PDB file of N, CA and C in Angstrom:
ATOM      1  N   MET A   1     -18.819  19.884  16.653  1.00  0.00           N
ATOM      2  CA  MET A   1     -18.568  18.457  16.583  1.00  0.00           C
ATOM      3  C   MET A   1     -19.006  17.812  17.894  1.00  0.00           C
ATOM      4  N   ALA A   2     -19.365  16.574  17.786  1.00  0.00           N
ATOM      5  CA  ALA A   2     -19.838  15.834  18.948  1.00  0.00           C
ATOM      6  C   ALA A   2     -18.681  15.208  19.711  1.00  0.00           C
ATOM      7  N   SER A   3     -18.924  14.923  20.966  1.00  0.00           N
ATOM      8  CA  SER A   3     -17.965  14.220  21.810  1.00  0.00           C
ATOM      9  C   SER A   3     -18.579  12.906  22.252  1.00  0.00           C
ATOM     10  N   VAL A   4     -17.733  11.898  22.425  1.00  0.00           N
ATOM     11  CA  VAL A   4     -18.194  10.582  22.847  1.00  0.00           C
ATOM     12  C   VAL A   4     -17.271  10.088  23.943  1.00  0.00           C
ATOM     13  N   THR A   5     -17.846   9.476  24.955  1.00  0.00           N
ATOM     14  CA  THR A   5     -17.062   8.845  26.020  1.00  0.00           C
ATOM     15  C   THR A   5     -17.259   7.344  25.899  1.00  0.00           C
ATOM     16  N   ILE A   6     -16.174   6.621  25.908  1.00  0.00           N
ATOM     17  CA  ILE A   6     -16.256   5.164  25.820  1.00  0.00           C
ATOM     18  C   ILE A   6     -15.840   4.596  27.168  1.00  0.00           C
ATOM     19  N   ARG A   7     -16.753   3.903  27.803  1.00  0.00           N
ATOM     20  CA  ARG A   7     -16.480   3.317  29.119  1.00  0.00           C
ATOM     21  C   ARG A   7     -16.204   1.825  28.969  1.00  0.00           C
ATOM     22  N   ASN A   8     -15.519   1.306  29.963  1.00  0.00           N
ATOM     23  CA  ASN A   8     -15.237  -0.137  30.069  1.00  0.00           C
ATOM     24  C   ASN A   8     -14.462  -0.685  28.866  1.00  0.00           C
ATOM     25  N   LEU A   9     -13.581   0.125  28.318  1.00  0.00           N
ATOM     26  CA  LEU A   9     -12.694  -0.330  27.244  1.00  0.00           C
ATOM     27  C   LEU A   9     -11.575  -1.142  27.892  1.00  0.00           C
ATOM     28  N   PRO A  10     -11.368  -2.367  27.445  1.00  0.00           N
ATOM     29  CA  PRO A  10     -10.307  -3.178  28.049  1.00  0.00           C
ATOM     30  C   PRO A  10      -8.949  -2.477  27.944  1.00  0.00           C
ATOM     31  N   ASP A  11      -8.151  -2.618  29.005  1.00  0.00           N
ATOM     32  CA  ASP A  11      -6.846  -1.958  29.047  1.00  0.00           C
ATOM     33  C   ASP A  11      -5.945  -2.360  27.884  1.00  0.00           C
ATOM     34  N   ASP A  12      -5.996  -3.643  27.497  1.00  0.00           N
ATOM     35  CA  ASP A  12      -5.127  -4.079  26.407  1.00  0.00           C
ATOM     36  C   ASP A  12      -5.542  -3.471  25.063  1.00  0.00           C
ATOM     37  N   VAL A  13      -6.826  -3.216  24.885  1.00  0.00           N
ATOM     38  CA  VAL A  13      -7.297  -2.561  23.656  1.00  0.00           C
ATOM     39  C   VAL A  13      -6.811  -1.120  23.627  1.00  0.00           C
ATOM     40  N   LYS A  14      -6.901  -0.443  24.756  1.00  0.00           N
ATOM     41  CA  LYS A  14      -6.420   0.939  24.824  1.00  0.00           C
ATOM     42  C   LYS A  14      -4.915   0.983  24.550  1.00  0.00           C
ATOM     43  N   GLN A  15      -4.172   0.038  25.091  1.00  0.00           N
ATOM     44  CA  GLN A  15      -2.730  -0.003  24.866  1.00  0.00           C
ATOM     45  C   GLN A  15      -2.410  -0.262  23.397  1.00  0.00           C
ATOM     46  N   ASP A  16      -3.155  -1.178  22.783  1.00  0.00           N
ATOM     47  CA  ASP A  16      -2.957  -1.452  21.352  1.00  0.00           C
ATOM     48  C   ASP A  16      -3.224  -0.197  20.524  1.00  0.00           C
ATOM     49  N   LEU A  17      -4.284   0.534  20.871  1.00  0.00           N
ATOM     50  CA  LEU A  17      -4.592   1.771  20.160  1.00  0.00           C
ATOM     51  C   LEU A  17      -3.505   2.822  20.369  1.00  0.00           C
ATOM     52  N   ARG A  18      -2.988   2.892  21.583  1.00  0.00           N
ATOM     53  CA  ARG A  18      -1.925   3.844  21.892  1.00  0.00           C
ATOM     54  C   ARG A  18      -0.666   3.521  21.077  1.00  0.00           C
ATOM     55  N   GLU A  19      -0.322   2.243  20.964  1.00  0.00           N
ATOM     56  CA  GLU A  19       0.846   1.825  20.181  1.00  0.00           C
ATOM     57  C   GLU A  19       0.627   2.089  18.692  1.00  0.00           C
ATOM     58  N   ARG A  20      -0.578   1.818  18.226  1.00  0.00           N
ATOM     59  CA  ARG A  20      -0.907   2.086  16.819  1.00  0.00           C
ATOM     60  C   ARG A  20      -0.811   3.573  16.516  1.00  0.00           C
ATOM     61  N   ALA A  21      -1.294   4.403  17.430  1.00  0.00           N
ATOM     62  CA  ALA A  21      -1.210   5.851  17.256  1.00  0.00           C
ATOM     63  C   ALA A  21       0.238   6.305  17.203  1.00  0.00           C
ATOM     64  N   ALA A  22       1.067   5.749  18.062  1.00  0.00           N
ATOM     65  CA  ALA A  22       2.486   6.115  18.080  1.00  0.00           C
ATOM     66  C   ALA A  22       3.166   5.724  16.767  1.00  0.00           C
ATOM     67  N   ARG A  23       2.850   4.534  16.257  1.00  0.00           N
ATOM     68  CA  ARG A  23       3.426   4.100  14.971  1.00  0.00           C
ATOM     69  C   ARG A  23       3.025   5.032  13.835  1.00  0.00           C
ATOM     70  N   ASN A  24       1.807   5.562  13.910  1.00  0.00           N
ATOM     71  CA  ASN A  24       1.298   6.436  12.860  1.00  0.00           C
ATOM     72  C   ASN A  24       1.580   7.912  13.125  1.00  0.00           C
ATOM     73  N   GLY A  25       2.246   8.210  14.238  1.00  0.00           N
ATOM     74  CA  GLY A  25       2.586   9.591  14.552  1.00  0.00           C
ATOM     75  C   GLY A  25       1.381  10.453  14.886  1.00  0.00           C
ATOM     76  N   ARG A  26       0.389   9.855  15.525  1.00  0.00           N
ATOM     77  CA  ARG A  26      -0.833  10.580  15.876  1.00  0.00           C
ATOM     78  C   ARG A  26      -1.118  10.436  17.367  1.00  0.00           C
ATOM     79  N   SER A  27      -1.973  11.306  17.843  1.00  0.00           N
ATOM     80  CA  SER A  27      -2.421  11.183  19.231  1.00  0.00           C
ATOM     81  C   SER A  27      -3.400  10.020  19.330  1.00  0.00           C
ATOM     82  N   LEU A  28      -3.613   9.553  20.541  1.00  0.00           N
ATOM     83  CA  LEU A  28      -4.581   8.478  20.767  1.00  0.00           C
ATOM     84  C   LEU A  28      -5.959   8.916  20.303  1.00  0.00           C
ATOM     85  N   GLU A  29      -6.331  10.141  20.611  1.00  0.00           N
ATOM     86  CA  GLU A  29      -7.649  10.658  20.220  1.00  0.00           C
ATOM     87  C   GLU A  29      -7.799  10.673  18.693  1.00  0.00           C
ATOM     88  N   GLU A  30      -6.786  11.148  17.983  1.00  0.00           N
ATOM     89  CA  GLU A  30      -6.854  11.198  16.517  1.00  0.00           C
ATOM     90  C   GLU A  30      -6.913   9.795  15.922  1.00  0.00           C
ATOM     91  N   GLU A  31      -6.159   8.873  16.494  1.00  0.00           N
ATOM     92  CA  GLU A  31      -6.168   7.495  16.000  1.00  0.00           C
ATOM     93  C   GLU A  31      -7.546   6.874  16.177  1.00  0.00           C
ATOM     94  N   MET A  32      -8.163   7.094  17.321  1.00  0.00           N
ATOM     95  CA  MET A  32      -9.502   6.555  17.575  1.00  0.00           C
ATOM     96  C   MET A  32     -10.524   7.202  16.649  1.00  0.00           C
ATOM     97  N   ARG A  33     -10.382   8.490  16.431  1.00  0.00           N
ATOM     98  CA  ARG A  33     -11.296   9.204  15.535  1.00  0.00           C
ATOM     99  C   ARG A  33     -11.218   8.601  14.134  1.00  0.00           C
ATOM    100  N   ARG A  34     -10.002   8.418  13.635  1.00  0.00           N
ATOM    101  CA  ARG A  34      -9.833   7.861  12.291  1.00  0.00           C
ATOM    102  C   ARG A  34     -10.358   6.426  12.206  1.00  0.00           C
ATOM    103  N   ALA A  35     -10.137   5.649  13.261  1.00  0.00           N
ATOM    104  CA  ALA A  35     -10.613   4.264  13.267  1.00  0.00           C
ATOM    105  C   ALA A  35     -12.138   4.214  13.216  1.00  0.00           C
ATOM    106  N   LEU A  36     -12.786   5.072  13.983  1.00  0.00           N
ATOM    107  CA  LEU A  36     -14.252   5.104  13.981  1.00  0.00           C
ATOM    108  C   LEU A  36     -14.797   5.560  12.629  1.00  0.00           C
ATOM    109  N   ILE A  37     -14.188   6.573  12.053  1.00  0.00           N
ATOM    110  CA  ILE A  37     -14.644   7.058  10.746  1.00  0.00           C
ATOM    111  C   ILE A  37     -14.477   5.962   9.694  1.00  0.00           C
ATOM    112  N   ALA A  38     -13.345   5.266   9.709  1.00  0.00           N
ATOM    113  CA  ALA A  38     -13.106   4.192   8.739  1.00  0.00           C
ATOM    114  C   ALA A  38     -14.101   3.047   8.920  1.00  0.00           C
ATOM    115  N   LEU A  39     -14.506   2.808  10.155  1.00  0.00           N
ATOM    116  CA  LEU A  39     -15.471   1.751  10.436  1.00  0.00           C
ATOM    117  C   LEU A  39     -16.848   2.098   9.882  1.00  0.00           C
ATOM    118  N   VAL A  40     -17.243   3.348  10.053  1.00  0.00           N
ATOM    119  CA  VAL A  40     -18.582   3.769   9.656  1.00  0.00           C
ATOM    120  C   VAL A  40     -18.644   4.137   8.176  1.00  0.00           C
ATOM    121  N   ARG A  41     -17.563   4.679   7.653  1.00  0.00           N
ATOM    122  CA  ARG A  41     -17.524   5.115   6.252  1.00  0.00           C
ATOM    123  C   ARG A  41     -16.346   4.463   5.526  1.00  0.00           C
ATOM    124  N   PRO A  42     -16.428   3.180   5.277  1.00  0.00           N
ATOM    125  CA  PRO A  42     -15.301   2.533   4.591  1.00  0.00           C
ATOM    126  C   PRO A  42     -15.148   3.089   3.180  1.00  0.00           C
ATOM    127  N   GLU A  43     -13.902   3.127   2.715  1.00  0.00           N
ATOM    128  CA  GLU A  43     -13.656   3.611   1.358  1.00  0.00           C
ATOM    129  C   GLU A  43     -14.254   2.606   0.378  1.00  0.00           C
ATOM    130  N   PRO A  44     -14.872   3.110  -0.683  1.00  0.00           N
ATOM    131  CA  PRO A  44     -15.460   2.185  -1.661  1.00  0.00           C
ATOM    132  C   PRO A  44     -14.366   1.349  -2.337  1.00  0.00           C
ATOM    133  N   ALA A  45     -14.692   0.116  -2.586  1.00  0.00           N
ATOM    134  CA  ALA A  45     -13.738  -0.779  -3.231  1.00  0.00           C
ATOM    135  C   ALA A  45     -13.555  -0.355  -4.687  1.00  0.00           C
ATOM    136  N   ALA A  46     -12.363  -0.578  -5.190  1.00  0.00           N
ATOM    137  CA  ALA A  46     -12.089  -0.266  -6.593  1.00  0.00           C
ATOM    138  C   ALA A  46     -12.953  -1.177  -7.460  1.00  0.00           C
ATOM    139  N   PRO A  47     -13.458  -0.662  -8.561  1.00  0.00           N
ATOM    140  CA  PRO A  47     -14.288  -1.514  -9.421  1.00  0.00           C
ATOM    141  C   PRO A  47     -13.485  -2.696  -9.944  1.00  0.00           C
ATOM    142  N   ARG A  48     -14.129  -3.832  -9.993  1.00  0.00           N
ATOM    143  CA  ARG A  48     -13.453  -5.039 -10.458  1.00  0.00           C
ATOM    144  C   ARG A  48     -13.337  -5.018 -11.965  1.00  0.00           C
ATOM    145  N   LYS A  49     -12.213  -5.505 -12.457  1.00  0.00           N
ATOM    146  CA  LYS A  49     -11.973  -5.559 -13.896  1.00  0.00           C
ATOM    147  C   LYS A  49     -12.496  -6.886 -14.444  1.00  0.00           C
ATOM    148  N   SER A  50     -12.939  -6.842 -15.674  1.00  0.00           N
ATOM    149  CA  SER A  50     -13.363  -8.076 -16.322  1.00  0.00           C
ATOM    150  C   SER A  50     -12.124  -8.861 -16.751  1.00  0.00           C
ATOM    151  N   ILE A  51     -12.300 -10.142 -17.013  1.00  0.00           N
ATOM    152  CA  ILE A  51     -11.183 -10.969 -17.453  1.00  0.00           C
ATOM    153  C   ILE A  51     -10.652 -10.455 -18.780  1.00  0.00           C
ATOM    154  N   GLY A  52     -11.529  -9.978 -19.636  1.00  0.00           N
ATOM    155  CA  GLY A  52     -11.107  -9.432 -20.918  1.00  0.00           C
ATOM    156  C   GLY A  52     -10.236  -8.203 -20.744  1.00  0.00           C
ATOM    157  N   GLN A  53     -10.623  -7.332 -19.818  1.00  0.00           N
ATOM    158  CA  GLN A  53      -9.833  -6.121 -19.568  1.00  0.00           C
ATOM    159  C   GLN A  53      -8.468  -6.479 -18.984  1.00  0.00           C
ATOM    160  N   MET A  54      -8.430  -7.458 -18.083  1.00  0.00           N
ATOM    161  CA  MET A  54      -7.149  -7.869 -17.506  1.00  0.00           C
ATOM    162  C   MET A  54      -6.236  -8.467 -18.571  1.00  0.00           C
ATOM    163  N   LEU A  55      -6.775  -9.308 -19.455  1.00  0.00           N
ATOM    164  CA  LEU A  55      -5.968  -9.895 -20.520  1.00  0.00           C
ATOM    165  C   LEU A  55      -5.461  -8.821 -21.474  1.00  0.00           C
ATOM    166  N   TYR A  56      -6.300  -7.865 -21.778  1.00  0.00           N
ATOM    167  CA  TYR A  56      -5.889  -6.770 -22.651  1.00  0.00           C
ATOM    168  C   TYR A  56      -4.722  -6.004 -22.027  1.00  0.00           C
ATOM    169  N   GLU A  57      -4.848  -5.662 -20.742  1.00  0.00           N
ATOM    170  CA  GLU A  57      -3.790  -4.908 -20.067  1.00  0.00           C
ATOM    171  C   GLU A  57      -2.494  -5.714 -19.989  1.00  0.00           C
ATOM    172  N   MET A  58      -2.603  -7.031 -19.814  1.00  0.00           N
ATOM    173  CA  MET A  58      -1.411  -7.864 -19.748  1.00  0.00           C
ATOM    174  C   MET A  58      -0.717  -7.956 -21.104  1.00  0.00           C
ATOM    175  N   SER A  59      -1.470  -7.800 -22.183  1.00  0.00           N
ATOM    176  CA  SER A  59      -0.884  -7.928 -23.519  1.00  0.00           C
ATOM    177  C   SER A  59      -0.236  -6.636 -23.996  1.00  0.00           C
ATOM    178  N   ARG A  60      -0.443  -5.558 -23.280  1.00  0.00           N
ATOM    179  CA  ARG A  60       0.121  -4.273 -23.680  1.00  0.00           C
ATOM    180  C   ARG A  60       1.623  -4.274 -23.426  1.00  0.00           C
ATOM    181  N   PRO A  61       2.383  -3.587 -24.284  1.00  0.00           N
ATOM    182  CA  PRO A  61       3.831  -3.529 -24.066  1.00  0.00           C
ATOM    183  C   PRO A  61       4.158  -2.886 -22.722  1.00  0.00           C
ATOM    184  N   GLY A  62       5.179  -3.391 -22.113  1.00  0.00           N
ATOM    185  CA  GLY A  62       5.593  -2.848 -20.824  1.00  0.00           C
ATOM    186  C   GLY A  62       6.818  -1.985 -20.978  1.00  0.00           C
ATOM    187  N   ILE A  63       7.748  -2.146 -20.091  1.00  0.00           N
ATOM    188  CA  ILE A  63       8.986  -1.379 -20.113  1.00  0.00           C
ATOM    189  C   ILE A  63       9.863  -1.900 -21.242  1.00  0.00           C
ATOM    190  N   ASP A  64      10.419  -0.997 -22.018  1.00  0.00           N
ATOM    191  CA  ASP A  64      11.340  -1.397 -23.079  1.00  0.00           C
ATOM    192  C   ASP A  64      12.688  -1.754 -22.472  1.00  0.00           C
ATOM    193  N   LEU A  65      13.105  -2.996 -22.677  1.00  0.00           N
ATOM    194  CA  LEU A  65      14.389  -3.450 -22.162  1.00  0.00           C
ATOM    195  C   LEU A  65      15.448  -3.260 -23.237  1.00  0.00           C
ATOM    196  N   PRO A  66      16.703  -3.026 -22.850  1.00  0.00           N
ATOM    197  CA  PRO A  66      17.747  -2.867 -23.860  1.00  0.00           C
ATOM    198  C   PRO A  66      17.981  -4.196 -24.573  1.00  0.00           C
ATOM    199  N   GLU A  67      18.340  -4.108 -25.852  1.00  0.00           N
ATOM    200  CA  GLU A  67      18.613  -5.322 -26.619  1.00  0.00           C
ATOM    201  C   GLU A  67      19.971  -5.870 -26.238  1.00  0.00           C
ATOM    202  N   LEU A  68      20.089  -7.193 -26.230  1.00  0.00           N
ATOM    203  CA  LEU A  68      21.357  -7.848 -25.921  1.00  0.00           C
ATOM    204  C   LEU A  68      22.249  -7.839 -27.151  1.00  0.00           C
ATOM    205  N   PRO A  69      23.562  -7.804 -26.974  1.00  0.00           N
ATOM    206  CA  PRO A  69      24.478  -7.851 -28.123  1.00  0.00           C
ATOM    207  C   PRO A  69      24.346  -9.182 -28.853  1.00  0.00           C
ATOM    208  N   ASP A  70      24.680  -9.182 -30.138  1.00  0.00           N
ATOM    209  CA  ASP A  70      24.538 -10.388 -30.963  1.00  0.00           C
ATOM    210  C   ASP A  70      25.639 -11.411 -30.723  1.00  0.00           C
ATOM    211  N   SER A  71      26.853 -10.963 -30.393  1.00  0.00           N
ATOM    212  CA  SER A  71      27.952 -11.914 -30.262  1.00  0.00           C
ATOM    213  C   SER A  71      28.678 -11.717 -28.933  1.00  0.00           C
ATOM    214  N   PRO A  72      29.356 -12.767 -28.447  1.00  0.00           N
ATOM    215  CA  PRO A  72      30.106 -12.658 -27.199  1.00  0.00           C
ATOM    216  C   PRO A  72      31.215 -11.630 -27.294  1.00  0.00           C
ATOM    217  N   ALA A  73      31.714 -11.333 -28.490  1.00  0.00           N
ATOM    218  CA  ALA A  73      32.787 -10.345 -28.652  1.00  0.00           C
ATOM    219  C   ALA A  73      32.313  -8.968 -28.199  1.00  0.00           C
ATOM    220  N   SER A  74      31.029  -8.750 -28.234  1.00  0.00           N
ATOM    221  CA  SER A  74      30.488  -7.459 -27.824  1.00  0.00           C
ATOM    222  C   SER A  74      30.628  -7.253 -26.321  1.00  0.00           C
ATOM    223  N   PHE A  75      30.885  -8.344 -25.602  1.00  0.00           N
ATOM    224  CA  PHE A  75      31.015  -8.254 -24.156  1.00  0.00           C
ATOM    225  C   PHE A  75      32.426  -7.888 -23.712  1.00  0.00           C
ATOM    226  N   ALA A  76      33.333  -7.681 -24.647  1.00  0.00           N
ATOM    227  CA  ALA A  76      34.729  -7.390 -24.306  1.00  0.00           C
ATOM    228  C   ALA A  76      34.811  -6.148 -23.428  1.00  0.00           C
ATOM    229  N   THR A  77      35.715  -6.209 -22.460  1.00  0.00           N
ATOM    230  CA  THR A  77      35.928  -5.063 -21.584  1.00  0.00           C
ATOM    231  C   THR A  77      37.241  -4.405 -21.949  1.00  0.00           C
ATOM    232  N   ILE A  78      37.546  -3.332 -21.312  1.00  0.00           N
ATOM    233  CA  ILE A  78      38.796  -2.608 -21.570  1.00  0.00           C
ATOM    234  C   ILE A  78      39.995  -3.497 -21.251  1.00  0.00           C
ATOM    235  N   ASP A  79      39.892  -4.337 -20.229  1.00  0.00           N
ATOM    236  CA  ASP A  79      40.995  -5.220 -19.843  1.00  0.00           C
ATOM    237  C   ASP A  79      41.285  -6.263 -20.919  1.00  0.00           C
ATOM    238  N   ASP A  80      40.263  -6.668 -21.697  1.00  0.00           N
ATOM    239  CA  ASP A  80      40.411  -7.698 -22.707  1.00  0.00           C
ATOM    240  C   ASP A  80      41.099  -7.164 -23.956  1.00  0.00           C
ATOM    241  N   GLU A  81      41.095  -5.882 -24.179  1.00  0.00           N
ATOM    242  CA  GLU A  81      41.636  -5.321 -25.427  1.00  0.00           C
ATOM    243  C   GLU A  81      43.107  -5.146 -25.387  1.00  0.00           C
TER     244      GLU A  81
END
């Protein structure tokens, strides 16, 4: 693998990278490596859906919700009896 030296990096940029690495639980070197790779090889965007496909997906049944009781008497609790 190749090595790269970056000179004249502003101190505040290095500090921001150091804080970002700490938040992500990585070393500064690993964080910079991942940032450079993401810059050069961005992940391909998900294919866009057509309006027809989106409408079709929206019309599909979702989560089955429980049916509500027909009368208020069905809401009686043990205390009411």
